[in-house]
Structures are given as structure tokens and as C-alpha cells.
C-alpha atoms as a PDB file:
ATOM      1  CA  MET A   1     106.553 114.275  51.625  1.00  0.00           C
ATOM      2  CA  ALA A   2     105.609 110.607  51.260  1.00  0.00           C
ATOM      3  CA  ASP A   3     108.153 107.911  51.857  1.00  0.00           C
ATOM      4  CA  PHE A   4     109.319 105.677  49.000  1.00  0.00           C
ATOM      5  CA  VAL A   5     108.134 102.046  49.174  1.00  0.00           C
ATOM      6  CA  THR A   6     109.825  99.210  47.313  1.00  0.00           C
ATOM      7  CA  VAL A   7     107.284  97.544  45.035  1.00  0.00           C
ATOM      8  CA  ALA A   8     109.364  95.344  42.756  1.00  0.00           C
ATOM      9  CA  THR A   9     112.740  94.703  41.218  1.00  0.00           C
ATOM     10  CA  ILE A  10     113.440  96.111  37.773  1.00  0.00           C
ATOM     11  CA  ASP A  11     113.404  92.568  36.347  1.00  0.00           C
ATOM     12  CA  GLU A  12     109.822  92.053  37.543  1.00  0.00           C
ATOM     13  CA  ILE A  13     108.549  94.790  35.246  1.00  0.00           C
ATOM     14  CA  PRO A  14     109.981  94.146  31.734  1.00  0.00           C
ATOM     15  CA  ASN A  15     110.164  96.934  29.127  1.00  0.00           C
ATOM     16  CA  GLY A  16     106.802  97.793  27.659  1.00  0.00           C
ATOM     17  CA  THR A  17     104.781  96.306  30.522  1.00  0.00           C
ATOM     18  CA  ALA A  18     102.852  97.536  33.540  1.00  0.00           C
ATOM     19  CA  LYS A  19     102.232  95.909  36.913  1.00  0.00           C
ATOM     20  CA  SER A  20      99.674  96.880  39.550  1.00  0.00           C
ATOM     21  CA  PHE A  21     100.297  97.477  43.255  1.00  0.00           C
ATOM     22  CA  THR A  22      98.377  98.828  46.227  1.00  0.00           C
ATOM     23  CA  ILE A  23     100.427 101.397  48.170  1.00  0.00           C
ATOM     24  CA  ASN A  24      98.861 103.225  51.134  1.00  0.00           C
ATOM     25  CA  ASP A  25      95.364 102.319  49.874  1.00  0.00           C
ATOM     26  CA  GLN A  26      96.114 103.688  46.413  1.00  0.00           C
ATOM     27  CA  PHE A  27      95.821 101.357  43.363  1.00  0.00           C
ATOM     28  CA  ILE A  28      98.916 102.149  41.335  1.00  0.00           C
ATOM     29  CA  ALA A  29     100.385 100.906  38.058  1.00  0.00           C
ATOM     30  CA  VAL A  30     104.153 100.946  37.583  1.00  0.00           C
ATOM     31  CA  VAL A  31     105.133 101.046  33.930  1.00  0.00           C
ATOM     32  CA  ASN A  32     108.529 100.384  32.314  1.00  0.00           C
ATOM     33  CA  CYS A  33     109.067 102.592  29.234  1.00  0.00           C
ATOM     34  CA  ASP A  34     112.491 101.801  27.765  1.00  0.00           C
ATOM     35  CA  GLY A  35     114.066 101.511  31.216  1.00  0.00           C
ATOM     36  CA  THR A  36     112.394 104.542  32.718  1.00  0.00           C
ATOM     37  CA  PHE A  37     109.755 103.656  35.343  1.00  0.00           C
ATOM     38  CA  TYR A  38     106.562 105.614  35.837  1.00  0.00           C
ATOM     39  CA  ALA A  39     103.854 105.271  38.522  1.00  0.00           C
ATOM     40  CA  ILE A  40     100.314 106.255  37.760  1.00  0.00           C
ATOM     41  CA  ASP A  41      96.776 105.707  39.067  1.00  0.00           C
ATOM     42  CA  ASN A  42      95.775 102.273  37.856  1.00  0.00           C
ATOM     43  CA  ILE A  43      92.151 103.246  37.227  1.00  0.00           C
ATOM     44  CA  CYS A  44      91.172 105.139  34.069  1.00  0.00           C
ATOM     45  CA  SER A  45      89.660 108.560  34.763  1.00  0.00           C
ATOM     46  CA  HIS A  46      86.871 107.973  32.200  1.00  0.00           C
ATOM     47  CA  ALA A  47      85.360 104.695  33.440  1.00  0.00           C
ATOM     48  CA  TYR A  48      86.578 101.882  35.686  1.00  0.00           C
ATOM     49  CA  ALA A  49      89.225  99.994  33.832  1.00  0.00           C
ATOM     50  CA  GLU A  50      92.658  98.810  35.138  1.00  0.00           C
ATOM     51  CA  LEU A  51      95.312 100.563  33.067  1.00  0.00           C
ATOM     52  CA  ASP A  52      97.970  97.918  33.798  1.00  0.00           C
ATOM     53  CA  GLN A  53      95.942  95.684  31.498  1.00  0.00           C
ATOM     54  CA  GLY A  54      96.302  98.187  28.622  1.00  0.00           C
ATOM     55  CA  GLU A  55      98.991  98.447  25.952  1.00  0.00           C
ATOM     56  CA  VAL A  56     102.132 100.416  26.606  1.00  0.00           C
ATOM     57  CA  ASP A  57     103.602 102.423  23.738  1.00  0.00           C
ATOM     58  CA  THR A  58     107.346 102.738  24.454  1.00  0.00           C
ATOM     59  CA  ASP A  59     107.856 105.176  21.527  1.00  0.00           C
ATOM     60  CA  ASP A  60     105.449 107.747  23.036  1.00  0.00           C
ATOM     61  CA  CYS A  61     105.650 106.652  26.752  1.00  0.00           C
ATOM     62  CA  THR A  62     101.883 106.207  26.890  1.00  0.00           C
ATOM     63  CA  ILE A  63      99.432 103.609  28.144  1.00  0.00           C
ATOM     64  CA  GLU A  64      96.069 102.820  26.513  1.00  0.00           C
ATOM     65  CA  CYS A  65      92.961 102.096  28.555  1.00  0.00           C
ATOM     66  CA  PRO A  66      91.853  98.540  27.703  1.00  0.00           C
ATOM     67  CA  LEU A  67      88.149  99.459  27.958  1.00  0.00           C
ATOM     68  CA  HIS A  68      87.563 102.520  25.751  1.00  0.00           C
ATOM     69  CA  GLY A  69      91.021 103.209  24.243  1.00  0.00           C
ATOM     70  CA  SER A  70      91.924 106.513  25.915  1.00  0.00           C
ATOM     71  CA  ILE A  71      95.672 107.059  25.813  1.00  0.00           C
ATOM     72  CA  PHE A  72      97.447 108.634  28.780  1.00  0.00           C
ATOM     73  CA  SER A  73     100.933 110.162  29.013  1.00  0.00           C
ATOM     74  CA  LEU A  74     103.052 108.289  31.544  1.00  0.00           C
ATOM     75  CA  GLU A  75     104.984 111.428  32.310  1.00  0.00           C
ATOM     76  CA  THR A  76     102.061 113.832  33.038  1.00  0.00           C
ATOM     77  CA  GLY A  77      99.009 111.603  33.393  1.00  0.00           C
ATOM     78  CA  ARG A  78      97.130 113.719  30.868  1.00  0.00           C
ATOM     79  CA  PRO A  79      94.870 111.993  28.418  1.00  0.00           C
ATOM     80  CA  ARG A  80      95.935 112.301  24.758  1.00  0.00           C
ATOM     81  CA  THR A  81      92.765 110.888  23.298  1.00  0.00           C
ATOM     82  CA  LEU A  82      89.081 110.766  24.079  1.00  0.00           C
ATOM     83  CA  PRO A  83      86.886 109.687  25.737  1.00  0.00           C
ATOM     84  CA  ALA A  84      88.943 110.510  28.869  1.00  0.00           C
ATOM     85  CA  VAL A  85      89.337 114.190  29.541  1.00  0.00           C
ATOM     86  CA  THR A  86      90.569 114.155  33.170  1.00  0.00           C
ATOM     87  CA  PRO A  87      94.239 113.385  33.951  1.00  0.00           C
ATOM     88  CA  ILE A  88      95.245 110.516  36.160  1.00  0.00           C
ATOM     89  CA  ALA A  89      97.649 111.023  39.055  1.00  0.00           C
ATOM     90  CA  THR A  90     101.326 110.361  38.686  1.00  0.00           C
ATOM     91  CA  TYR A  91     103.724 109.493  41.469  1.00  0.00           C
ATOM     92  CA  PRO A  92     107.469 109.807  42.058  1.00  0.00           C
ATOM     93  CA  VAL A  93     109.575 106.763  41.249  1.00  0.00           C
ATOM     94  CA  GLN A  94     113.194 106.068  42.122  1.00  0.00           C
ATOM     95  CA  ILE A  95     115.487 103.139  41.408  1.00  0.00           C
ATOM     96  CA  VAL A  96     117.750 102.073  44.262  1.00  0.00           C
ATOM     97  CA  GLY A  97     120.044  99.253  43.167  1.00  0.00           C
ATOM     98  CA  ASN A  98     117.600  96.985  41.349  1.00  0.00           C
ATOM     99  CA  GLU A  99     114.585  97.985  43.401  1.00  0.00           C
ATOM    100  CA  VAL A 100     111.733 100.069  42.009  1.00  0.00           C
ATOM    101  CA  GLN A 101     110.431 102.437  44.666  1.00  0.00           C
ATOM    102  CA  VAL A 102     107.307 104.551  44.556  1.00  0.00           C
ATOM    103  CA  ALA A 103     106.161 107.430  46.778  1.00  0.00           C
ATOM    104  CA  VAL A 104     102.397 107.888  47.244  1.00  0.00           C
END
């Protein structure tokens, strides 16, 4: 199992936002959805676009690709809309004190 790596404090990723990180050569986005943090691949599975630049929907816990508008579930990584049809990877997140930690 992968070790957890501290990437930020909870204050550095406000509600409804995403922030990108490189962990073990993986380009990851960490997203805050109403105080629950999710880690996903930061690159859309349809075409190269950085998902941390997309809009986060805190009602549905999704993120929208800024290039073609595909919407991905933060919980499962599955696309909810076209043109993307392939899921993106998700990664375990834990909060220790005020640190956001991700395992890749």
C-alpha cells in the first residue's frame, strides 16, 4: 500500500476549489467538496485538460473539465457526461490535524 504524503493544509484548499500536486510522478488534483477532500487524476480522460482549472459542484461533488465540459464524480472518478467515457483514477485521502494527505 502507498504511503500517505502531506500535500497541503485544509485552509490551502477552500471549499469548492481544487489544487494540483505532483506526487510520485502522478499529476493529482485535490478537491474540497463541503469539507470532504478528494484526490483524482488531474488530467481529463477525454483530452488533455487540467481538471483543477474546472468548476467544482459542491452539491453533486463533481468537477467539470474546463476544455470540453465532461463532468466527473469526485467519489468514483466516473464521467457523468460526454464526451469523456473513461473514468479518471481516484486516490485515498486522509486528514491528520489540519494536513491533507494523499496516497498514490
